Amino acid sequence: MMDCIVLEDGVRVALRRSVRARRITLRVSRLDGGVTLTLPPRLPEAEGIAFLRARRDWLGAALARLPAPQRVEAGAMLPVQGRALAVTPAAVRAPRVEDAALLVPQGRPAGPAAEAFLKTLARARLAEASDRHAATLGRAFRCIALRDTRSRWGSCTHDGRLMYSWRLAMAPDAVLDYVAAHEVAHLAHMDHSTAFWAAVGRLCPDYARHRSWLRGQGGGLLAWRFRD
């Protein structure tokens, strides 16, 4: 269980220790705004708190930049594949897109239904993109998993397991495709070397533009709340 520090203005900071940490890090979750201070195993806690207080201005600015949370409910304009769709209760058994609306079953909470729809869409599109890029690269992956991650849009393990955020289904198709290309490129290069970026460029020539979109707009995808 993590300890918690409460600053003078009420900001709560989770304090954790990690055997992999080589230095102190302070992070703000783009998903829920949670603040985490991570310390190496043997570093005195007082040094971590001093580090936190020295970066109080940075922390305040980082929290202020977070997009305001948006609740998925009837009438909300939810992005789906980069296009804002009106969440609309209707006489449907399962969510579907119709014109400029995302129809969800009436009489049921809209958020969980929309989340399930996005997860299904993300799995289908990411599987297709990963298969295509892996074939181009001449590499194979073991499996795909979806998560609601806080700090990354995807990851690749040394044994070829790909993980993606299902919220990528809200991003434009080209952005989702870039993330798939990025993670598949790690099947050949488990780093961010020049060779890695060359592989990404081979799979997704316009990757810099899509990477920039995620940096600028990705926080908005993480601001959506699907459940209470």
Protein backbone atom coordinates (compact mmCIF):
# COMPACT_ATOMS: atom_id res chain seq x y z
CA MET A 1 0.00 0.00 0.00
CA MET A 2 1.30 3.47 -0.84
CA ASP A 3 1.66 6.22 1.75
CA CYS A 4 0.11 9.59 1.02
CA ILE A 5 1.35 13.14 1.55
CA VAL A 6 -1.19 15.97 1.72
CA LEU A 7 0.23 19.36 0.77
CA GLU A 8 -0.87 22.64 2.33
CA ASP A 9 -3.35 23.36 -0.47
CA GLY A 10 -4.96 19.92 -0.18
CA VAL A 11 -3.19 18.22 -3.12
CA ARG A 12 -2.69 14.55 -2.28
CA VAL A 13 0.57 12.93 -3.40
CA ALA A 14 0.98 9.15 -3.35
CA LEU A 15 4.42 8.14 -2.09
CA ARG A 16 5.80 4.88 -3.41
CA ARG A 17 9.13 3.09 -3.51
CA SER A 18 10.36 1.09 -6.46
CA VAL A 19 13.31 -1.28 -6.64
CA ARG A 20 13.74 -0.17 -10.26
CA ALA A 21 13.90 3.54 -9.45
CA ARG A 22 17.35 5.09 -9.73
CA ARG A 23 16.22 8.63 -9.00
CA ILE A 24 13.26 10.51 -7.60
CA THR A 25 10.38 11.06 -10.03
CA LEU A 26 7.22 13.13 -9.72
CA ARG A 27 4.38 12.29 -12.11
CA VAL A 28 0.85 13.54 -12.71
CA SER A 29 -1.56 11.02 -14.20
CA ARG A 30 -3.28 12.26 -17.33
CA LEU A 31 -6.11 9.81 -16.66
CA ASP A 32 -7.27 10.90 -13.22
CA GLY A 33 -4.94 13.72 -12.15
CA GLY A 34 -3.35 11.57 -9.46
CA VAL A 35 0.11 12.67 -8.30
CA THR A 36 2.78 10.07 -7.50
CA LEU A 37 6.22 10.63 -5.98
CA THR A 38 8.47 7.61 -6.57
CA LEU A 39 11.64 7.04 -4.52
CA PRO A 40 14.51 4.57 -4.83
CA PRO A 41 14.35 1.87 -2.12
CA ARG A 42 16.87 3.30 0.35
CA LEU A 43 16.47 7.03 -0.19
CA PRO A 44 15.35 8.82 3.00
CA GLU A 45 11.76 9.96 2.80
CA ALA A 46 12.79 13.45 3.88
CA GLU A 47 14.81 13.85 0.67
CA GLY A 48 11.77 12.88 -1.38
CA ILE A 49 9.58 15.41 0.41
CA ALA A 50 12.22 18.12 -0.12
CA PHE A 51 12.26 17.21 -3.84
CA LEU A 52 8.46 17.51 -3.93
CA ARG A 53 8.41 20.91 -2.24
CA ALA A 54 11.15 22.25 -4.53
CA ARG A 55 8.93 21.37 -7.51
CA ARG A 56 5.69 22.73 -6.09
CA ASP A 57 5.36 25.38 -8.81
CA TRP A 58 5.88 22.76 -11.54
CA LEU A 59 3.28 20.53 -9.93
CA GLY A 60 0.73 23.32 -9.74
CA ALA A 61 1.24 24.17 -13.41
CA ALA A 62 0.98 20.50 -14.44
CA LEU A 63 -2.31 20.09 -12.56
CA ALA A 64 -3.69 23.32 -14.07
CA ARG A 65 -2.97 22.03 -17.59
CA LEU A 66 -5.08 18.90 -17.14
CA PRO A 67 -8.27 18.92 -19.21
CA ALA A 68 -11.46 19.18 -17.19
CA PRO A 69 -13.09 15.77 -16.68
CA GLN A 70 -15.97 15.06 -19.07
CA ARG A 71 -18.73 12.63 -18.25
CA VAL A 72 -20.09 10.28 -20.90
CA GLU A 73 -23.85 10.78 -20.76
CA ALA A 74 -26.75 11.50 -23.09
CA GLY A 75 -25.95 14.50 -25.27
CA ALA A 76 -22.19 14.40 -24.73
CA MET A 77 -20.08 14.83 -27.87
CA LEU A 78 -17.77 11.82 -27.57
CA PRO A 79 -14.86 11.47 -30.00
CA VAL A 80 -14.91 8.20 -31.96
CA GLN A 81 -12.16 7.66 -34.53
CA GLY A 82 -11.44 11.38 -34.37
CA ARG A 83 -15.04 12.47 -34.99
CA ALA A 84 -17.31 13.94 -32.31
CA LEU A 85 -20.51 11.90 -32.04
CA ALA A 86 -23.56 12.76 -29.96
CA VAL A 87 -24.21 10.08 -27.34
CA THR A 88 -27.87 9.28 -27.98
CA PRO A 89 -30.10 6.80 -26.10
CA ALA A 90 -32.15 4.81 -28.60
CA ALA A 91 -34.09 1.58 -29.03
CA VAL A 92 -30.98 -0.46 -29.84
CA ARG A 93 -29.66 -3.61 -28.19
CA ALA A 94 -25.99 -2.69 -28.63
CA PRO A 95 -24.21 0.60 -29.28
CA ARG A 96 -23.68 1.61 -32.89
CA VAL A 97 -22.77 4.64 -34.96
CA GLU A 98 -25.51 6.16 -37.05
CA ASP A 99 -24.81 9.41 -38.94
CA ALA A 100 -23.35 11.83 -36.36
CA ALA A 101 -24.58 9.89 -33.31
CA LEU A 102 -23.37 7.06 -31.14
CA LEU A 103 -26.58 5.22 -30.29
CA VAL A 104 -26.61 3.51 -26.90
CA PRO A 105 -29.36 1.34 -25.38
CA GLN A 106 -31.95 3.52 -23.68
CA GLY A 107 -32.71 2.86 -20.05
CA ARG A 108 -29.11 1.89 -19.32
CA PRO A 109 -26.11 4.02 -18.24
CA ALA A 110 -24.54 5.52 -21.34
CA GLY A 111 -20.95 5.45 -20.08
CA PRO A 112 -20.39 1.70 -19.70
CA ALA A 113 -22.16 1.02 -23.02
CA ALA A 114 -19.95 3.55 -24.83
CA GLU A 115 -16.85 2.12 -23.15
CA ALA A 116 -17.70 -1.41 -24.30
CA PHE A 117 -18.23 -0.12 -27.84
CA LEU A 118 -14.86 1.65 -27.86
CA LYS A 119 -13.06 -1.42 -26.51
CA THR A 120 -14.50 -3.61 -29.24
CA LEU A 121 -13.59 -1.04 -31.88
CA ALA A 122 -10.08 -0.60 -30.49
CA ARG A 123 -9.39 -4.34 -30.43
CA ALA A 124 -10.48 -4.80 -34.05
CA ARG A 125 -8.56 -1.80 -35.39
CA LEU A 126 -5.41 -2.41 -33.36
CA ALA A 127 -5.34 -6.10 -34.29
CA GLU A 128 -5.59 -5.21 -37.98
CA ALA A 129 -2.93 -2.51 -37.76
CA SER A 130 -0.57 -4.67 -35.68
CA ASP A 131 -0.94 -7.62 -38.08
CA ARG A 132 -0.25 -5.38 -41.07
CA HIS A 133 2.81 -3.68 -39.57
CA ALA A 134 4.23 -6.93 -38.22
CA ALA A 135 3.95 -8.51 -41.68
CA THR A 136 5.76 -5.53 -43.24
CA LEU A 137 8.50 -5.71 -40.63
CA GLY A 138 8.80 -9.48 -40.85
CA ARG A 139 8.25 -9.95 -37.13
CA ALA A 140 5.58 -11.75 -35.13
CA PHE A 141 3.91 -10.80 -31.86
CA ARG A 142 2.37 -13.14 -29.31
CA CYS A 143 -0.81 -11.37 -28.30
CA ILE A 144 -2.59 -8.05 -27.86
CA ALA A 145 -4.01 -6.73 -24.60
CA LEU A 146 -6.08 -3.60 -23.97
CA ARG A 147 -5.73 -1.46 -20.86
CA ASP A 148 -6.83 1.95 -19.61
CA THR A 149 -3.28 3.14 -19.08
CA ARG A 150 -2.24 6.34 -17.33
CA SER A 151 1.13 7.17 -18.81
CA ARG A 152 1.51 5.45 -22.18
CA TRP A 153 -0.55 4.62 -25.22
CA GLY A 154 1.11 1.28 -25.83
CA SER A 155 3.96 -1.01 -24.88
CA CYS A 156 5.80 -4.07 -26.14
CA THR A 157 7.45 -6.72 -23.98
CA HIS A 158 10.61 -8.65 -24.80
CA ASP A 159 8.54 -11.76 -25.49
CA GLY A 160 6.37 -10.00 -28.06
CA ARG A 161 3.26 -9.04 -26.10
CA LEU A 162 1.64 -5.81 -27.28
CA MET A 163 -0.42 -3.64 -24.96
CA TYR A 164 -2.54 -0.68 -26.07
CA SER A 165 -4.88 1.83 -24.49
CA TRP A 166 -8.43 1.20 -25.68
CA ARG A 167 -8.94 4.98 -25.68
CA LEU A 168 -7.06 5.04 -28.98
CA ALA A 169 -10.42 4.19 -30.56
CA MET A 170 -11.34 7.81 -29.86
CA ALA A 171 -8.32 9.15 -31.78
CA PRO A 172 -8.17 9.62 -35.56
CA ASP A 173 -7.46 6.38 -37.39
CA ALA A 174 -4.03 7.58 -38.52
CA VAL A 175 -3.02 8.26 -34.90
CA LEU A 176 -4.08 4.76 -33.81
CA ASP A 177 -2.12 3.35 -36.74
CA TYR A 178 0.99 5.25 -35.66
CA VAL A 179 0.82 3.82 -32.14
CA ALA A 180 0.52 0.32 -33.58
CA ALA A 181 3.53 0.98 -35.83
CA HIS A 182 5.49 2.30 -32.85
CA GLU A 183 4.87 -0.78 -30.72
CA VAL A 184 5.41 -3.25 -33.56
CA ALA A 185 8.75 -1.56 -34.32
CA HIS A 186 9.79 -2.51 -30.78
CA LEU A 187 9.59 -6.15 -31.85
CA ALA A 188 12.80 -5.44 -33.76
CA HIS A 189 14.33 -2.72 -31.57
CA MET A 190 13.62 -2.67 -27.82
CA ASP A 191 14.82 0.90 -27.48
CA HIS A 192 14.31 4.32 -29.04
CA SER A 193 17.47 4.29 -31.12
CA THR A 194 17.96 5.70 -34.60
CA ALA A 195 17.30 2.22 -35.97
CA PHE A 196 14.01 2.05 -34.07
CA TRP A 197 12.75 5.36 -35.45
CA ALA A 198 13.84 4.31 -38.93
CA ALA A 199 11.62 1.23 -38.54
CA VAL A 200 8.72 3.39 -37.36
CA GLY A 201 9.24 5.66 -40.37
CA ARG A 202 9.14 2.68 -42.68
CA LEU A 203 5.84 1.55 -41.23
CA CYS A 204 4.32 5.01 -40.78
CA PRO A 205 6.12 7.67 -42.85
CA ASP A 206 4.11 10.55 -41.36
CA TYR A 207 4.60 9.41 -37.75
CA ALA A 208 5.91 12.77 -36.47
CA ARG A 209 2.58 14.48 -37.15
CA HIS A 210 0.59 11.77 -35.39
CA ARG A 211 3.01 11.69 -32.46
CA SER A 212 2.55 15.45 -32.14
CA TRP A 213 -1.24 15.03 -32.17
CA LEU A 214 -1.07 12.66 -29.21
CA ARG A 215 1.14 15.02 -27.27
CA GLY A 216 -1.21 17.92 -27.86
CA GLN A 217 -4.62 16.24 -27.90
CA GLY A 218 -4.16 12.95 -26.09
CA GLY A 219 -4.97 14.46 -22.71
CA GLY A 220 -8.46 15.22 -23.95
CA LEU A 221 -9.07 11.52 -24.60
CA LEU A 222 -7.99 10.70 -21.07
CA ALA A 223 -10.36 13.26 -19.58
CA TRP A 224 -13.49 11.28 -20.48
CA ARG A 225 -15.14 9.48 -17.55
CA PHE A 226 -17.23 6.44 -18.42
CA ARG A 227 -18.16 5.33 -14.91
CA ASP A 228 -19.00 6.97 -11.61
